[in-house]
Amino acid sequence: MEHFDFQYINGKLVKEGDPLIFASDSGFLRSFSIFDYFNLIEGIPVFLEDHLDRFFCSAKQVGLKVPYTRPEIKDAIFQFLDVNDVKNGGVRLVLTGGVPDRISRKETPNFIIQGAFLVVLPQSAYTDGVSLITHEYLREFPEVKTTNYMMWKSLSSKIDSARALDVLYHLNGNISETSRGNFFLVTADNLVVTPRDKILKGITRKYALTLAKDQFEVEERDVSLSELSSANEAFLTSSSKSILPVVKIGDTIIGDGKPGAVTHSLMRLYKKQVSKELINFKESII
């Protein structure tokens, strides 16, 4: 398994394991921090521009000022990748609120680039599908990728006890998202449906929607919990899991309890989309 030897903080490369922020940083004390995560495949940052778009959008929505321009951050990412020389893994961009100045009380954000192991689920998750539990909850800033995963962490033992992969959040009878991904269902007449509002707009979700619209009818709208019992298929999307079939939610078996044809089709199309991204990136640097 490949290992990242260096991290990046505020313009400097430091050894992995060295302290990055002060304990008084508001990201640590107040959860005032945002991040983004992208896959690194064959040394190539996948859908980097999309992830940078979302990173800057998240920062703006919570009032965090990014201390570097977009070109500067891209340069920093490639410096980070060059010095680590890791081909397959994950990369996090983190922006914390920083430590308040003792006099002005103003905070200077800290910008960090970290490496992460590439999450690889067993092949059986994709061939047989996974299960989710449900929980009534809406994240405080659902459109923002914050570092606050407290609810998910508090539910981890319940998720494990149910032999589930994750939790599906809902509020007032409407589904929103999983703790780390977006949710889709496929109706009896092959309509692909996904929640539109009060969710994090995932990058994989974006491409799944584009690919689905070429082959199926698609709706972004409120999705009711009651629709699960009549759904033919369900799947979730995320950068680390791609498109992953869901066959059971709580006590409800989805469809016939097996990944369906629509899900399989989108899985194949998304895999091709990632391959196309890698080819386009290689061609752009020749």
Protein backbone atom coordinates (compact mmCIF):
# COMPACT_ATOMS: atom_id res chain seq x y z
CA MET A 1 0.00 0.00 0.00
CA GLU A 2 1.45 3.36 -1.06
CA HIS A 3 2.22 5.92 1.62
CA PHE A 4 2.29 9.72 1.62
CA ASP A 5 5.53 10.91 3.24
CA PHE A 6 4.69 14.63 3.20
CA GLN A 7 1.79 16.94 3.92
CA TYR A 8 1.32 20.54 2.85
CA ILE A 9 0.35 23.38 5.16
CA ASN A 10 0.25 27.08 4.40
CA GLY A 11 2.85 27.01 1.64
CA LYS A 12 5.22 24.46 3.19
CA LEU A 13 5.75 20.74 2.79
CA VAL A 14 6.15 18.98 6.13
CA LYS A 15 6.75 15.35 7.03
CA GLU A 16 3.71 13.16 7.57
CA GLY A 17 3.05 12.93 11.30
CA ASP A 18 4.32 16.41 12.14
CA PRO A 19 1.68 18.58 13.87
CA LEU A 20 -0.31 20.68 11.42
CA ILE A 21 -2.46 23.02 13.51
CA PHE A 22 -2.67 24.41 17.03
CA ALA A 23 -5.19 22.90 19.43
CA SER A 24 -6.77 26.35 19.67
CA ASP A 25 -7.62 26.37 15.94
CA SER A 26 -11.35 26.97 15.51
CA GLY A 27 -11.48 24.02 13.14
CA PHE A 28 -10.50 21.84 16.08
CA LEU A 29 -12.46 23.58 18.82
CA ARG A 30 -15.55 24.74 16.89
CA SER A 31 -15.67 22.43 13.84
CA PHE A 32 -15.28 25.58 11.75
CA SER A 33 -13.60 23.92 8.78
CA ILE A 34 -14.36 22.58 5.34
CA PHE A 35 -12.64 20.07 3.11
CA ASP A 36 -12.80 18.27 -0.19
CA TYR A 37 -11.54 14.89 -1.27
CA PHE A 38 -10.57 13.49 -4.66
CA ASN A 39 -9.18 10.19 -5.87
CA LEU A 40 -5.68 9.83 -7.23
CA ILE A 41 -5.53 7.16 -9.95
CA GLU A 42 -2.32 6.45 -11.88
CA GLY A 43 -0.95 9.63 -10.32
CA ILE A 44 -3.80 11.69 -11.78
CA PRO A 45 -6.19 13.76 -9.62
CA VAL A 46 -9.64 12.67 -10.83
CA PHE A 47 -12.15 15.45 -11.62
CA LEU A 48 -9.85 17.99 -9.97
CA GLU A 49 -11.56 21.06 -11.44
CA ASP A 50 -14.94 19.90 -10.11
CA HIS A 51 -13.52 19.36 -6.65
CA LEU A 52 -11.87 22.78 -6.64
CA ASP A 53 -15.19 24.36 -7.66
CA ARG A 54 -16.89 22.73 -4.69
CA PHE A 55 -14.03 23.56 -2.30
CA PHE A 56 -14.26 27.28 -3.07
CA CYS A 57 -18.06 27.14 -2.96
CA SER A 58 -18.05 25.49 0.48
CA ALA A 59 -15.61 28.07 1.83
CA LYS A 60 -17.74 30.93 0.53
CA GLN A 61 -20.95 29.55 2.00
CA VAL A 62 -19.57 29.41 5.55
CA GLY A 63 -17.58 32.65 5.29
CA LEU A 64 -14.08 31.13 5.23
CA LYS A 65 -11.60 33.04 3.10
CA VAL A 66 -9.33 30.80 1.05
CA PRO A 67 -5.82 32.28 1.51
CA TYR A 68 -4.64 31.19 -1.95
CA THR A 69 -5.89 31.64 -5.49
CA ARG A 70 -7.13 28.70 -7.52
CA PRO A 71 -3.92 28.54 -9.64
CA GLU A 72 -1.83 28.66 -6.45
CA ILE A 73 -3.78 25.78 -4.95
CA LYS A 74 -3.40 23.73 -8.13
CA ASP A 75 0.35 24.38 -8.06
CA ALA A 76 0.45 23.33 -4.41
CA ILE A 77 -1.44 20.12 -5.22
CA PHE A 78 1.04 19.16 -7.93
CA GLN A 79 3.98 20.00 -5.66
CA PHE A 80 2.42 17.73 -3.06
CA LEU A 81 1.88 14.95 -5.58
CA ASP A 82 5.38 15.28 -7.01
CA VAL A 83 7.17 15.04 -3.67
CA ASN A 84 5.06 12.09 -2.50
CA ASP A 85 5.14 10.14 -5.78
CA VAL A 86 2.00 8.15 -4.91
CA LYS A 87 0.09 6.68 -7.85
CA ASN A 88 -3.13 5.53 -6.22
CA GLY A 89 -4.69 7.06 -3.15
CA GLY A 90 -6.86 9.90 -1.98
CA VAL A 91 -6.15 13.59 -1.39
CA ARG A 92 -7.88 15.95 1.02
CA LEU A 93 -7.91 19.73 0.81
CA VAL A 94 -8.69 21.13 4.25
CA LEU A 95 -9.41 24.73 5.27
CA THR A 96 -9.73 25.48 8.98
CA GLY A 97 -10.89 28.66 10.70
CA GLY A 98 -7.46 29.19 12.24
CA VAL A 99 -6.33 30.59 15.58
CA PRO A 100 -7.85 33.92 16.66
CA ASP A 101 -5.44 36.83 17.05
CA ARG A 102 -5.25 37.76 20.75
CA ILE A 103 -5.92 41.43 20.06
CA SER A 104 -8.20 41.65 17.03
CA ARG A 105 -9.80 38.21 17.53
CA LYS A 106 -9.64 37.77 13.76
CA GLU A 107 -8.73 34.32 12.49
CA THR A 108 -6.36 33.44 9.68
CA PRO A 109 -7.44 30.21 7.99
CA ASN A 110 -5.06 27.29 7.68
CA PHE A 111 -4.88 25.48 4.32
CA ILE A 112 -3.75 21.85 4.38
CA ILE A 113 -3.25 19.14 1.76
CA GLN A 114 -3.21 15.60 3.13
CA GLY A 115 -2.87 12.18 1.61
CA ALA A 116 -5.26 9.33 2.37
CA PHE A 117 -5.44 5.66 1.50
CA LEU A 118 -7.71 4.89 -1.44
CA VAL A 119 -10.83 3.24 -0.04
CA VAL A 120 -11.45 -0.04 -1.84
CA LEU A 121 -14.60 -1.97 -0.97
CA PRO A 122 -14.71 -5.72 -1.59
CA GLN A 123 -15.97 -6.66 -5.05
CA SER A 124 -18.97 -8.32 -3.40
CA ALA A 125 -20.28 -4.87 -2.43
CA TYR A 126 -20.68 -4.08 -6.12
CA THR A 127 -21.93 -7.50 -7.25
CA ASP A 128 -24.29 -8.16 -4.33
CA GLY A 129 -25.08 -4.63 -3.13
CA VAL A 130 -24.97 -3.11 0.36
CA SER A 131 -27.36 -2.26 3.17
CA LEU A 132 -28.11 1.06 4.89
CA ILE A 133 -29.79 1.99 8.13
CA THR A 134 -31.96 5.11 8.39
CA HIS A 135 -31.83 8.01 10.79
CA GLU A 136 -33.84 11.21 11.08
CA TYR A 137 -31.34 14.02 10.72
CA LEU A 138 -30.36 16.94 8.50
CA ARG A 139 -26.83 18.29 8.50
CA GLU A 140 -26.51 21.90 9.69
CA PHE A 141 -24.99 23.05 6.40
CA PRO A 142 -26.12 20.33 3.97
CA GLU A 143 -24.75 22.11 0.88
CA VAL A 144 -21.27 22.40 2.42
CA LYS A 145 -18.61 19.70 2.79
CA THR A 146 -17.69 20.37 6.40
CA THR A 147 -15.46 18.23 8.60
CA ASN A 148 -18.33 17.64 11.07
CA TYR A 149 -19.23 13.94 10.88
CA MET A 150 -20.32 13.67 14.50
CA MET A 151 -23.71 12.12 13.76
CA TRP A 152 -22.20 9.41 11.57
CA LYS A 153 -19.56 8.64 14.19
CA SER A 154 -22.19 8.42 16.91
CA LEU A 155 -24.16 5.92 14.78
CA SER A 156 -21.18 3.77 13.82
CA SER A 157 -21.93 0.98 16.32
CA LYS A 158 -25.56 0.86 15.16
CA ILE A 159 -24.42 0.68 11.52
CA ASP A 160 -22.02 -2.12 12.35
CA SER A 161 -24.61 -4.03 14.37
CA ALA A 162 -26.96 -3.96 11.38
CA ARG A 163 -24.14 -5.12 9.11
CA ALA A 164 -24.81 -2.02 7.04
CA LEU A 165 -22.36 0.16 5.16
CA ASP A 166 -23.75 3.57 6.03
CA VAL A 167 -26.74 5.57 7.21
CA LEU A 168 -29.42 7.20 5.06
CA TYR A 169 -30.57 10.52 6.52
CA HIS A 170 -34.15 11.75 6.24
CA LEU A 171 -36.28 14.50 7.74
CA ASN A 172 -40.05 14.93 7.80
CA GLY A 173 -40.43 11.85 5.64
CA ASN A 174 -38.04 13.02 2.91
CA ILE A 175 -34.70 11.39 2.14
CA SER A 176 -31.63 13.62 1.86
CA GLU A 177 -28.29 11.76 1.61
CA THR A 178 -26.03 9.23 3.26
CA SER A 179 -23.30 10.34 5.64
CA ARG A 180 -20.73 10.33 2.84
CA GLY A 181 -22.63 10.13 -0.42
CA ASN A 182 -25.68 10.90 -2.51
CA PHE A 183 -28.69 8.65 -2.87
CA PHE A 184 -30.66 7.54 -5.94
CA LEU A 185 -33.58 5.22 -6.48
CA VAL A 186 -35.05 3.72 -9.63
CA THR A 187 -38.83 3.43 -9.84
CA ALA A 188 -40.83 0.55 -11.31
CA ASP A 189 -40.89 2.29 -14.71
CA ASN A 190 -37.10 2.94 -14.70
CA LEU A 191 -37.35 6.59 -13.66
CA VAL A 192 -34.08 7.60 -11.94
CA VAL A 193 -34.84 9.82 -8.96
CA THR A 194 -32.55 11.68 -6.55
CA PRO A 195 -33.06 14.37 -3.90
CA ARG A 196 -32.52 17.90 -5.20
CA ASP A 197 -32.36 20.15 -2.13
CA LYS A 198 -30.64 20.20 1.26
CA ILE A 199 -27.85 17.88 0.15
CA LEU A 200 -24.18 18.10 -0.72
CA LYS A 201 -23.95 18.12 -4.51
CA GLY A 202 -21.45 15.32 -5.01
CA ILE A 203 -19.07 15.18 -7.96
CA THR A 204 -19.93 11.55 -8.69
CA ARG A 205 -23.61 12.53 -8.40
CA LYS A 206 -23.05 15.17 -11.07
CA TYR A 207 -21.62 12.67 -13.55
CA ALA A 208 -24.15 9.98 -12.66
CA LEU A 209 -26.95 12.43 -13.45
CA THR A 210 -25.37 13.41 -16.77
CA LEU A 211 -24.89 9.78 -17.77
CA ALA A 212 -28.38 8.77 -16.63
CA LYS A 213 -30.03 11.55 -18.63
CA ASP A 214 -28.61 10.10 -21.84
CA GLN A 215 -30.45 6.80 -21.31
CA PHE A 216 -33.27 7.21 -18.81
CA GLU A 217 -35.84 9.66 -17.53
CA VAL A 218 -34.39 11.51 -14.54
CA GLU A 219 -35.97 13.63 -11.81
CA GLU A 220 -34.32 15.74 -9.13
CA ARG A 221 -37.01 16.29 -6.51
CA ASP A 222 -38.16 15.47 -3.00
CA VAL A 223 -37.85 11.72 -2.44
CA SER A 224 -40.10 10.18 0.19
CA LEU A 225 -39.15 7.32 2.49
CA SER A 226 -42.40 5.68 1.44
CA GLU A 227 -41.05 5.33 -2.12
CA LEU A 228 -38.46 2.80 -0.98
CA SER A 229 -40.98 -0.02 -0.69
CA SER A 230 -41.98 0.25 -4.37
CA ALA A 231 -38.53 1.08 -5.80
CA ASN A 232 -36.94 -1.36 -8.26
CA GLU A 233 -33.38 -0.32 -7.48
CA ALA A 234 -31.33 2.02 -5.33
CA PHE A 235 -27.73 3.13 -5.37
CA LEU A 236 -25.43 5.67 -3.80
CA THR A 237 -22.64 7.73 -5.29
CA SER A 238 -19.42 9.13 -3.85
CA SER A 239 -15.86 9.79 -4.95
CA SER A 240 -14.49 6.93 -2.89
CA LYS A 241 -17.22 4.40 -3.77
CA SER A 242 -18.15 5.44 -7.33
CA ILE A 243 -21.65 4.06 -8.01
CA LEU A 244 -22.61 1.45 -5.44
CA PRO A 245 -25.83 -0.61 -5.48
CA VAL A 246 -28.04 -0.62 -2.39
CA VAL A 247 -30.28 -3.66 -1.87
CA LYS A 248 -31.63 -3.14 1.64
CA ILE A 249 -32.55 -0.05 3.66
CA GLY A 250 -33.59 -0.65 7.24
CA ASP A 251 -36.05 -3.54 7.02
CA THR A 252 -36.99 -2.77 3.42
CA ILE A 253 -35.64 -4.97 0.63
CA ILE A 254 -35.16 -2.93 -2.53
CA GLY A 255 -36.67 -4.58 -5.61
CA ASP A 256 -35.70 -8.23 -5.74
CA GLY A 257 -32.82 -7.69 -3.33
CA LYS A 258 -30.19 -7.66 -6.08
CA PRO A 259 -28.44 -4.84 -8.01
CA GLY A 260 -30.56 -3.95 -11.03
CA ALA A 261 -29.98 -3.31 -14.71
CA VAL A 262 -30.13 0.49 -14.48
CA THR A 263 -27.55 0.54 -11.68
CA HIS A 264 -25.27 -1.84 -13.57
CA SER A 265 -25.54 0.30 -16.70
CA LEU A 266 -24.59 3.47 -14.82
CA MET A 267 -21.73 1.68 -13.07
CA ARG A 268 -20.25 0.74 -16.46
CA LEU A 269 -20.80 4.21 -17.89
CA TYR A 270 -19.21 5.91 -14.89
CA LYS A 271 -16.17 3.65 -15.10
CA LYS A 272 -15.77 4.71 -18.73
CA GLN A 273 -16.16 8.36 -17.70
CA VAL A 274 -13.30 8.05 -15.21
CA SER A 275 -11.13 6.37 -17.86
CA LYS A 276 -11.93 9.22 -20.24
CA GLU A 277 -10.92 11.74 -17.56
CA LEU A 278 -7.57 10.01 -17.13
CA ILE A 279 -6.93 10.00 -20.88
CA ASN A 280 -7.89 13.66 -21.23
CA PHE A 281 -5.59 14.61 -18.36
CA LYS A 282 -2.65 12.75 -19.85
CA GLU A 283 -3.23 14.38 -23.22
CA SER A 284 -3.42 17.85 -21.64
CA ILE A 285 0.10 17.60 -20.20
CA ILE A 286 1.82 16.18 -23.29
